[in-house]
Amino acid sequence: MDIVAYLHYKNTTVVEWEHALKMHRYDLVFMVAPVEEIYQKDNLRMESFEHATILHQRLVEEYKLLGPIIEVPFLSPEERVKFILNHCHE
């Protein structure tokens, strides 16, 4: 899904990827938004914070097409794990 969202963000479409997504659904999706206070560009994260925010929103929109998502709040790593595990056991 991330690849399809990124391709849509770049105004490109790849039918094979979109077909595969229709065939293979997710049961549960957690999304974590970029946080400006800790955001840093590096060799894997090349977008500015502004572009990362736009791309994140695009990912949210694309994943919602496949089903519900759970937005993970910005918490400590330990609290984030508890949040996710609590939602996995519902």
PDB file of N, CA and C in Angstrom:
ATOM      1  N   MET A   1       0.814  -1.183   0.000  1.00  0.00           N
ATOM      2  CA  MET A   1       0.000   0.000   0.000  1.00  0.00           C
ATOM      3  C   MET A   1       0.862   1.253   0.000  1.00  0.00           C
ATOM      4  N   ASP A   2       1.940   1.208   0.733  1.00  0.00           N
ATOM      5  CA  ASP A   2       2.814   2.378   0.788  1.00  0.00           C
ATOM      6  C   ASP A   2       3.326   2.746  -0.601  1.00  0.00           C
ATOM      7  N   ILE A   3       3.670   1.745  -1.380  1.00  0.00           N
ATOM      8  CA  ILE A   3       4.181   2.017  -2.733  1.00  0.00           C
ATOM      9  C   ILE A   3       3.096   2.646  -3.597  1.00  0.00           C
ATOM     10  N   VAL A   4       1.882   2.128  -3.521  1.00  0.00           N
ATOM     11  CA  VAL A   4       0.784   2.686  -4.307  1.00  0.00           C
ATOM     12  C   VAL A   4       0.503   4.121  -3.882  1.00  0.00           C
ATOM     13  N   ALA A   5       0.480   4.376  -2.582  1.00  0.00           N
ATOM     14  CA  ALA A   5       0.243   5.743  -2.098  1.00  0.00           C
ATOM     15  C   ALA A   5       1.339   6.677  -2.591  1.00  0.00           C
ATOM     16  N   TYR A   6       2.587   6.224  -2.539  1.00  0.00           N
ATOM     17  CA  TYR A   6       3.688   7.065  -3.002  1.00  0.00           C
ATOM     18  C   TYR A   6       3.583   7.314  -4.506  1.00  0.00           C
ATOM     19  N   LEU A   7       3.226   6.300  -5.266  1.00  0.00           N
ATOM     20  CA  LEU A   7       3.069   6.471  -6.715  1.00  0.00           C
ATOM     21  C   LEU A   7       1.929   7.440  -7.026  1.00  0.00           C
ATOM     22  N   HIS A   8       0.832   7.345  -6.281  1.00  0.00           N
ATOM     23  CA  HIS A   8      -0.259   8.304  -6.464  1.00  0.00           C
ATOM     24  C   HIS A   8       0.193   9.708  -6.092  1.00  0.00           C
ATOM     25  N   TYR A   9       0.984   9.811  -5.031  1.00  0.00           N
ATOM     26  CA  TYR A   9       1.539  11.099  -4.605  1.00  0.00           C
ATOM     27  C   TYR A   9       2.374  11.714  -5.734  1.00  0.00           C
ATOM     28  N   LYS A  10       3.055  10.858  -6.480  1.00  0.00           N
ATOM     29  CA  LYS A  10       3.880  11.306  -7.608  1.00  0.00           C
ATOM     30  C   LYS A  10       3.092  11.324  -8.924  1.00  0.00           C
ATOM     31  N   ASN A  11       1.755  11.162  -8.816  1.00  0.00           N
ATOM     32  CA  ASN A  11       0.864  11.158  -9.982  1.00  0.00           C
ATOM     33  C   ASN A  11       1.208  10.049 -10.976  1.00  0.00           C
ATOM     34  N   THR A  12       1.556   8.881 -10.446  1.00  0.00           N
ATOM     35  CA  THR A  12       1.864   7.712 -11.261  1.00  0.00           C
ATOM     36  C   THR A  12       0.943   6.577 -10.817  1.00  0.00           C
ATOM     37  N   THR A  13       0.541   5.743 -11.736  1.00  0.00           N
ATOM     38  CA  THR A  13      -0.320   4.617 -11.398  1.00  0.00           C
ATOM     39  C   THR A  13       0.319   3.334 -11.917  1.00  0.00           C
ATOM     40  N   VAL A  14       0.264   2.309 -11.097  1.00  0.00           N
ATOM     41  CA  VAL A  14       0.751   0.996 -11.500  1.00  0.00           C
ATOM     42  C   VAL A  14      -0.387   0.010 -11.245  1.00  0.00           C
ATOM     43  N   VAL A  15      -1.027  -0.416 -12.304  1.00  0.00           N
ATOM     44  CA  VAL A  15      -2.227  -1.246 -12.215  1.00  0.00           C
ATOM     45  C   VAL A  15      -1.950  -2.558 -11.483  1.00  0.00           C
ATOM     46  N   GLU A  16      -0.783  -3.154 -11.702  1.00  0.00           N
ATOM     47  CA  GLU A  16      -0.474  -4.434 -11.075  1.00  0.00           C
ATOM     48  C   GLU A  16      -0.487  -4.322  -9.555  1.00  0.00           C
ATOM     49  N   TRP A  17       0.070  -3.228  -9.024  1.00  0.00           N
ATOM     50  CA  TRP A  17       0.084  -3.021  -7.577  1.00  0.00           C
ATOM     51  C   TRP A  17      -1.336  -2.839  -7.057  1.00  0.00           C
ATOM     52  N   GLU A  18      -2.132  -2.045  -7.761  1.00  0.00           N
ATOM     53  CA  GLU A  18      -3.500  -1.790  -7.318  1.00  0.00           C
ATOM     54  C   GLU A  18      -4.323  -3.079  -7.352  1.00  0.00           C
ATOM     55  N   HIS A  19      -4.113  -3.913  -8.357  1.00  0.00           N
ATOM     56  CA  HIS A  19      -4.807  -5.197  -8.426  1.00  0.00           C
ATOM     57  C   HIS A  19      -4.391  -6.081  -7.249  1.00  0.00           C
ATOM     58  N   ALA A  20      -3.114  -6.135  -6.954  1.00  0.00           N
ATOM     59  CA  ALA A  20      -2.625  -6.952  -5.836  1.00  0.00           C
ATOM     60  C   ALA A  20      -3.246  -6.509  -4.519  1.00  0.00           C
ATOM     61  N   LEU A  21      -3.435  -5.201  -4.335  1.00  0.00           N
ATOM     62  CA  LEU A  21      -4.037  -4.703  -3.104  1.00  0.00           C
ATOM     63  C   LEU A  21      -5.481  -5.150  -2.954  1.00  0.00           C
ATOM     64  N   LYS A  22      -6.189  -5.256  -4.061  1.00  0.00           N
ATOM     65  CA  LYS A  22      -7.577  -5.721  -4.008  1.00  0.00           C
ATOM     66  C   LYS A  22      -7.639  -7.199  -3.626  1.00  0.00           C
ATOM     67  N   MET A  23      -6.603  -7.927  -3.985  1.00  0.00           N
ATOM     68  CA  MET A  23      -6.570  -9.362  -3.706  1.00  0.00           C
ATOM     69  C   MET A  23      -6.090  -9.685  -2.290  1.00  0.00           C
ATOM     70  N   HIS A  24      -5.255  -8.815  -1.721  1.00  0.00           N
ATOM     71  CA  HIS A  24      -4.639  -9.075  -0.408  1.00  0.00           C
ATOM     72  C   HIS A  24      -4.976  -7.917   0.529  1.00  0.00           C
ATOM     73  N   ARG A  25      -5.928  -8.151   1.412  1.00  0.00           N
ATOM     74  CA  ARG A  25      -6.404  -7.105   2.321  1.00  0.00           C
ATOM     75  C   ARG A  25      -5.697  -7.190   3.674  1.00  0.00           C
ATOM     76  N   TYR A  26      -5.686  -6.067   4.365  1.00  0.00           N
ATOM     77  CA  TYR A  26      -5.173  -5.999   5.730  1.00  0.00           C
ATOM     78  C   TYR A  26      -6.325  -6.143   6.705  1.00  0.00           C
ATOM     79  N   ASP A  27      -6.092  -6.831   7.819  1.00  0.00           N
ATOM     80  CA  ASP A  27      -7.098  -6.915   8.868  1.00  0.00           C
ATOM     81  C   ASP A  27      -7.011  -5.717   9.807  1.00  0.00           C
ATOM     82  N   LEU A  28      -5.804  -5.240  10.017  1.00  0.00           N
ATOM     83  CA  LEU A  28      -5.594  -4.179  10.992  1.00  0.00           C
ATOM     84  C   LEU A  28      -4.410  -3.330  10.543  1.00  0.00           C
ATOM     85  N   VAL A  29      -4.599  -2.009  10.524  1.00  0.00           N
ATOM     86  CA  VAL A  29      -3.539  -1.101  10.096  1.00  0.00           C
ATOM     87  C   VAL A  29      -3.358  -0.022  11.151  1.00  0.00           C
ATOM     88  N   PHE A  30      -2.129   0.156  11.598  1.00  0.00           N
ATOM     89  CA  PHE A  30      -1.780   1.223  12.521  1.00  0.00           C
ATOM     90  C   PHE A  30      -1.000   2.277  11.762  1.00  0.00           C
ATOM     91  N   MET A  31      -1.323   3.537  11.986  1.00  0.00           N
ATOM     92  CA  MET A  31      -0.621   4.641  11.325  1.00  0.00           C
ATOM     93  C   MET A  31      -0.005   5.546  12.392  1.00  0.00           C
ATOM     94  N   VAL A  32       1.227   5.952  12.146  1.00  0.00           N
ATOM     95  CA  VAL A  32       1.936   6.859  13.047  1.00  0.00           C
ATOM     96  C   VAL A  32       2.328   8.083  12.238  1.00  0.00           C
ATOM     97  N   ALA A  33       1.793   9.225  12.611  1.00  0.00           N
ATOM     98  CA  ALA A  33       2.065  10.467  11.886  1.00  0.00           C
ATOM     99  C   ALA A  33       3.477  10.973  12.190  1.00  0.00           C
ATOM    100  N   PRO A  34       4.081  11.675  11.236  1.00  0.00           N
ATOM    101  CA  PRO A  34       5.376  12.291  11.519  1.00  0.00           C
ATOM    102  C   PRO A  34       5.221  13.354  12.609  1.00  0.00           C
ATOM    103  N   VAL A  35       6.235  13.471  13.431  1.00  0.00           N
ATOM    104  CA  VAL A  35       6.225  14.439  14.533  1.00  0.00           C
ATOM    105  C   VAL A  35       7.377  15.414  14.313  1.00  0.00           C
ATOM    106  N   GLU A  36       7.032  16.673  14.170  1.00  0.00           N
ATOM    107  CA  GLU A  36       8.027  17.679  13.792  1.00  0.00           C
ATOM    108  C   GLU A  36       9.181  17.780  14.788  1.00  0.00           C
ATOM    109  N   GLU A  37       8.885  17.659  16.080  1.00  0.00           N
ATOM    110  CA  GLU A  37       9.928  17.818  17.104  1.00  0.00           C
ATOM    111  C   GLU A  37      11.052  16.798  16.978  1.00  0.00           C
ATOM    112  N   ILE A  38      10.760  15.631  16.432  1.00  0.00           N
ATOM    113  CA  ILE A  38      11.789  14.584  16.337  1.00  0.00           C
ATOM    114  C   ILE A  38      12.134  14.223  14.897  1.00  0.00           C
ATOM    115  N   TYR A  39      11.492  14.869  13.938  1.00  0.00           N
ATOM    116  CA  TYR A  39      11.686  14.522  12.532  1.00  0.00           C
ATOM    117  C   TYR A  39      13.068  14.960  12.054  1.00  0.00           C
ATOM    118  N   GLN A  40      13.775  14.039  11.393  1.00  0.00           N
ATOM    119  CA  GLN A  40      15.077  14.356  10.808  1.00  0.00           C
ATOM    120  C   GLN A  40      15.186  13.685   9.448  1.00  0.00           C
ATOM    121  N   LYS A  41      15.728  14.421   8.500  1.00  0.00           N
ATOM    122  CA  LYS A  41      16.012  13.828   7.199  1.00  0.00           C
ATOM    123  C   LYS A  41      17.283  13.000   7.316  1.00  0.00           C
ATOM    124  N   ASP A  42      17.340  11.899   6.569  1.00  0.00           N
ATOM    125  CA  ASP A  42      18.551  11.090   6.512  1.00  0.00           C
ATOM    126  C   ASP A  42      18.578  10.369   5.162  1.00  0.00           C
ATOM    127  N   ASN A  43      19.441   9.373   5.005  1.00  0.00           N
ATOM    128  CA  ASN A  43      19.559   8.720   3.702  1.00  0.00           C
ATOM    129  C   ASN A  43      18.338   7.855   3.357  1.00  0.00           C
ATOM    130  N   LEU A  44      17.486   7.528   4.337  1.00  0.00           N
ATOM    131  CA  LEU A  44      16.259   6.787   4.067  1.00  0.00           C
ATOM    132  C   LEU A  44      15.024   7.689   4.098  1.00  0.00           C
ATOM    133  N   ARG A  45      15.082   8.722   4.866  1.00  0.00           N
ATOM    134  CA  ARG A  45      13.962   9.663   5.003  1.00  0.00           C
ATOM    135  C   ARG A  45      14.393  10.961   4.330  1.00  0.00           C
ATOM    136  N   MET A  46      14.115  11.054   3.035  1.00  0.00           N
ATOM    137  CA  MET A  46      14.641  12.165   2.245  1.00  0.00           C
ATOM    138  C   MET A  46      13.707  13.364   2.149  1.00  0.00           C
ATOM    139  N   GLU A  47      12.420  13.172   2.508  1.00  0.00           N
ATOM    140  CA  GLU A  47      11.454  14.267   2.379  1.00  0.00           C
ATOM    141  C   GLU A  47      11.588  15.263   3.527  1.00  0.00           C
ATOM    142  N   SER A  48      11.235  16.493   3.231  1.00  0.00           N
ATOM    143  CA  SER A  48      11.136  17.486   4.299  1.00  0.00           C
ATOM    144  C   SER A  48       9.965  17.096   5.187  1.00  0.00           C
ATOM    145  N   PHE A  49       9.867  17.719   6.359  1.00  0.00           N
ATOM    146  CA  PHE A  49       8.749  17.421   7.243  1.00  0.00           C
ATOM    147  C   PHE A  49       7.425  17.741   6.560  1.00  0.00           C
ATOM    148  N   GLU A  50       7.391  18.841   5.823  1.00  0.00           N
ATOM    149  CA  GLU A  50       6.158  19.226   5.132  1.00  0.00           C
ATOM    150  C   GLU A  50       5.736  18.161   4.114  1.00  0.00           C
ATOM    151  N   HIS A  51       6.697  17.676   3.339  1.00  0.00           N
ATOM    152  CA  HIS A  51       6.385  16.625   2.366  1.00  0.00           C
ATOM    153  C   HIS A  51       6.026  15.307   3.062  1.00  0.00           C
ATOM    154  N   ALA A  52       6.689  15.023   4.169  1.00  0.00           N
ATOM    155  CA  ALA A  52       6.370  13.805   4.923  1.00  0.00           C
ATOM    156  C   ALA A  52       4.941  13.863   5.443  1.00  0.00           C
ATOM    157  N   THR A  53       4.505  15.035   5.873  1.00  0.00           N
ATOM    158  CA  THR A  53       3.141  15.203   6.359  1.00  0.00           C
ATOM    159  C   THR A  53       2.134  14.989   5.231  1.00  0.00           C
ATOM    160  N   ILE A  54       2.422  15.536   4.054  1.00  0.00           N
ATOM    161  CA  ILE A  54       1.548  15.350   2.891  1.00  0.00           C
ATOM    162  C   ILE A  54       1.502  13.873   2.503  1.00  0.00           C
ATOM    163  N   LEU A  55       2.657  13.233   2.468  1.00  0.00           N
ATOM    164  CA  LEU A  55       2.717  11.814   2.113  1.00  0.00           C
ATOM    165  C   LEU A  55       1.984  10.968   3.156  1.00  0.00           C
ATOM    166  N   HIS A  56       2.133  11.298   4.417  1.00  0.00           N
ATOM    167  CA  HIS A  56       1.417  10.574   5.473  1.00  0.00           C
ATOM    168  C   HIS A  56      -0.092  10.680   5.259  1.00  0.00           C
ATOM    169  N   GLN A  57      -0.566  11.870   4.965  1.00  0.00           N
ATOM    170  CA  GLN A  57      -2.002  12.049   4.734  1.00  0.00           C
ATOM    171  C   GLN A  57      -2.464  11.219   3.538  1.00  0.00           C
ATOM    172  N   ARG A  58      -1.645  11.163   2.516  1.00  0.00           N
ATOM    173  CA  ARG A  58      -1.965  10.342   1.338  1.00  0.00           C
ATOM    174  C   ARG A  58      -2.027   8.862   1.722  1.00  0.00           C
ATOM    175  N   LEU A  59      -1.084   8.419   2.559  1.00  0.00           N
ATOM    176  CA  LEU A  59      -1.098   7.038   3.036  1.00  0.00           C
ATOM    177  C   LEU A  59      -2.379   6.741   3.814  1.00  0.00           C
ATOM    178  N   VAL A  60      -2.767   7.667   4.689  1.00  0.00           N
ATOM    179  CA  VAL A  60      -3.997   7.487   5.458  1.00  0.00           C
ATOM    180  C   VAL A  60      -5.187   7.340   4.513  1.00  0.00           C
ATOM    181  N   GLU A  61      -5.281   8.220   3.538  1.00  0.00           N
ATOM    182  CA  GLU A  61      -6.390   8.169   2.579  1.00  0.00           C
ATOM    183  C   GLU A  61      -6.408   6.841   1.820  1.00  0.00           C
ATOM    184  N   GLU A  62      -5.236   6.396   1.375  1.00  0.00           N
ATOM    185  CA  GLU A  62      -5.156   5.156   0.600  1.00  0.00           C
ATOM    186  C   GLU A  62      -5.498   3.943   1.470  1.00  0.00           C
ATOM    187  N   TYR A  63      -4.960   3.887   2.687  1.00  0.00           N
ATOM    188  CA  TYR A  63      -5.254   2.754   3.559  1.00  0.00           C
ATOM    189  C   TYR A  63      -6.731   2.717   3.929  1.00  0.00           C
ATOM    190  N   LYS A  64      -7.357   3.879   4.101  1.00  0.00           N
ATOM    191  CA  LYS A  64      -8.785   3.915   4.439  1.00  0.00           C
ATOM    192  C   LYS A  64      -9.640   3.322   3.328  1.00  0.00           C
ATOM    193  N   LEU A  65      -9.144   3.327   2.110  1.00  0.00           N
ATOM    194  CA  LEU A  65      -9.875   2.697   1.013  1.00  0.00           C
ATOM    195  C   LEU A  65      -9.963   1.188   1.197  1.00  0.00           C
ATOM    196  N   LEU A  66      -9.017   0.634   1.945  1.00  0.00           N
ATOM    197  CA  LEU A  66      -8.980  -0.809   2.168  1.00  0.00           C
ATOM    198  C   LEU A  66      -9.684  -1.229   3.449  1.00  0.00           C
ATOM    199  N   GLY A  67      -9.939  -0.277   4.333  1.00  0.00           N
ATOM    200  CA  GLY A  67     -10.579  -0.599   5.611  1.00  0.00           C
ATOM    201  C   GLY A  67     -10.188   0.400   6.665  1.00  0.00           C
ATOM    202  N   PRO A  68     -10.658   0.160   7.889  1.00  0.00           N
ATOM    203  CA  PRO A  68     -10.364   1.107   8.962  1.00  0.00           C
ATOM    204  C   PRO A  68      -8.894   1.105   9.349  1.00  0.00           C
ATOM    205  N   ILE A  69      -8.460   2.234   9.852  1.00  0.00           N
ATOM    206  CA  ILE A  69      -7.094   2.354  10.364  1.00  0.00           C
ATOM    207  C   ILE A  69      -7.163   2.849  11.803  1.00  0.00           C
ATOM    208  N   ILE A  70      -6.089   2.618  12.528  1.00  0.00           N
ATOM    209  CA  ILE A  70      -5.975   3.116  13.895  1.00  0.00           C
ATOM    210  C   ILE A  70      -4.783   4.053  13.927  1.00  0.00           C
ATOM    211  N   GLU A  71      -5.030   5.295  14.277  1.00  0.00           N
ATOM    212  CA  GLU A  71      -3.952   6.279  14.377  1.00  0.00           C
ATOM    213  C   GLU A  71      -3.307   6.145  15.758  1.00  0.00           C
ATOM    214  N   VAL A  72      -2.018   5.891  15.772  1.00  0.00           N
ATOM    215  CA  VAL A  72      -1.278   5.723  17.014  1.00  0.00           C
ATOM    216  C   VAL A  72      -0.827   7.108  17.489  1.00  0.00           C
ATOM    217  N   PRO A  73      -1.203   7.487  18.712  1.00  0.00           N
ATOM    218  CA  PRO A  73      -0.790   8.802  19.205  1.00  0.00           C
ATOM    219  C   PRO A  73       0.709   8.835  19.498  1.00  0.00           C
ATOM    220  N   PHE A  74       1.249  10.055  19.544  1.00  0.00           N
ATOM    221  CA  PHE A  74       2.670  10.219  19.863  1.00  0.00           C
ATOM    222  C   PHE A  74       2.846  10.020  21.356  1.00  0.00           C
ATOM    223  N   LEU A  75       3.408   8.875  21.706  1.00  0.00           N
ATOM    224  CA  LEU A  75       3.624   8.481  23.094  1.00  0.00           C
ATOM    225  C   LEU A  75       5.049   7.975  23.229  1.00  0.00           C
ATOM    226  N   SER A  76       5.439   7.653  24.438  1.00  0.00           N
ATOM    227  CA  SER A  76       6.746   7.015  24.621  1.00  0.00           C
ATOM    228  C   SER A  76       6.698   5.656  23.923  1.00  0.00           C
ATOM    229  N   PRO A  77       7.832   5.097  23.585  1.00  0.00           N
ATOM    230  CA  PRO A  77       7.819   3.785  22.918  1.00  0.00           C
ATOM    231  C   PRO A  77       7.067   2.721  23.729  1.00  0.00           C
ATOM    232  N   GLU A  78       7.248   2.715  25.040  1.00  0.00           N
ATOM    233  CA  GLU A  78       6.571   1.731  25.879  1.00  0.00           C
ATOM    234  C   GLU A  78       5.058   1.914  25.837  1.00  0.00           C
ATOM    235  N   GLU A  79       4.617   3.171  25.908  1.00  0.00           N
ATOM    236  CA  GLU A  79       3.183   3.454  25.862  1.00  0.00           C
ATOM    237  C   GLU A  79       2.598   3.136  24.483  1.00  0.00           C
ATOM    238  N   ARG A  80       3.386   3.365  23.453  1.00  0.00           N
ATOM    239  CA  ARG A  80       2.943   3.050  22.087  1.00  0.00           C
ATOM    240  C   ARG A  80       2.740   1.541  21.924  1.00  0.00           C
ATOM    241  N   VAL A  81       3.655   0.758  22.476  1.00  0.00           N
ATOM    242  CA  VAL A  81       3.519  -0.706  22.420  1.00  0.00           C
ATOM    243  C   VAL A  81       2.236  -1.132  23.137  1.00  0.00           C
ATOM    244  N   LYS A  82       1.988  -0.576  24.316  1.00  0.00           N
ATOM    245  CA  LYS A  82       0.767  -0.916  25.059  1.00  0.00           C
ATOM    246  C   LYS A  82      -0.475  -0.533  24.258  1.00  0.00           C
ATOM    247  N   PHE A  83      -0.463   0.644  23.645  1.00  0.00           N
ATOM    248  CA  PHE A  83      -1.585   1.114  22.841  1.00  0.00           C
ATOM    249  C   PHE A  83      -1.878   0.130  21.717  1.00  0.00           C
ATOM    250  N   ILE A  84      -0.843  -0.267  21.004  1.00  0.00           N
ATOM    251  CA  ILE A  84      -1.007  -1.190  19.876  1.00  0.00           C
ATOM    252  C   ILE A  84      -1.483  -2.554  20.347  1.00  0.00           C
ATOM    253  N   LEU A  85      -0.854  -3.084  21.402  1.00  0.00           N
ATOM    254  CA  LEU A  85      -1.258  -4.397  21.910  1.00  0.00           C
ATOM    255  C   LEU A  85      -2.691  -4.388  22.408  1.00  0.00           C
ATOM    256  N   ASN A  86      -3.113  -3.305  23.045  1.00  0.00           N
ATOM    257  CA  ASN A  86      -4.502  -3.213  23.498  1.00  0.00           C
ATOM    258  C   ASN A  86      -5.467  -3.281  22.337  1.00  0.00           C
ATOM    259  N   HIS A  87      -5.112  -2.675  21.220  1.00  0.00           N
ATOM    260  CA  HIS A  87      -5.996  -2.703  20.040  1.00  0.00           C
ATOM    261  C   HIS A  87      -5.953  -4.061  19.329  1.00  0.00           C
ATOM    262  N   CYS A  88      -4.865  -4.781  19.482  1.00  0.00           N
ATOM    263  CA  CYS A  88      -4.766  -6.096  18.846  1.00  0.00           C
ATOM    264  C   CYS A  88      -5.624  -7.130  19.571  1.00  0.00           C
ATOM    265  N   HIS A  89      -5.917  -6.888  20.829  1.00  0.00           N
ATOM    266  CA  HIS A  89      -6.678  -7.857  21.625  1.00  0.00           C
ATOM    267  C   HIS A  89      -8.161  -7.515  21.710  1.00  0.00           C
ATOM    268  N   GLU A  90      -8.606  -6.524  20.968  1.00  0.00           N
ATOM    269  CA  GLU A  90     -10.029  -6.148  21.011  1.00  0.00           C
ATOM    270  C   GLU A  90     -10.852  -7.080  20.181  1.00  0.00           C
TER     271      GLU A  90
END
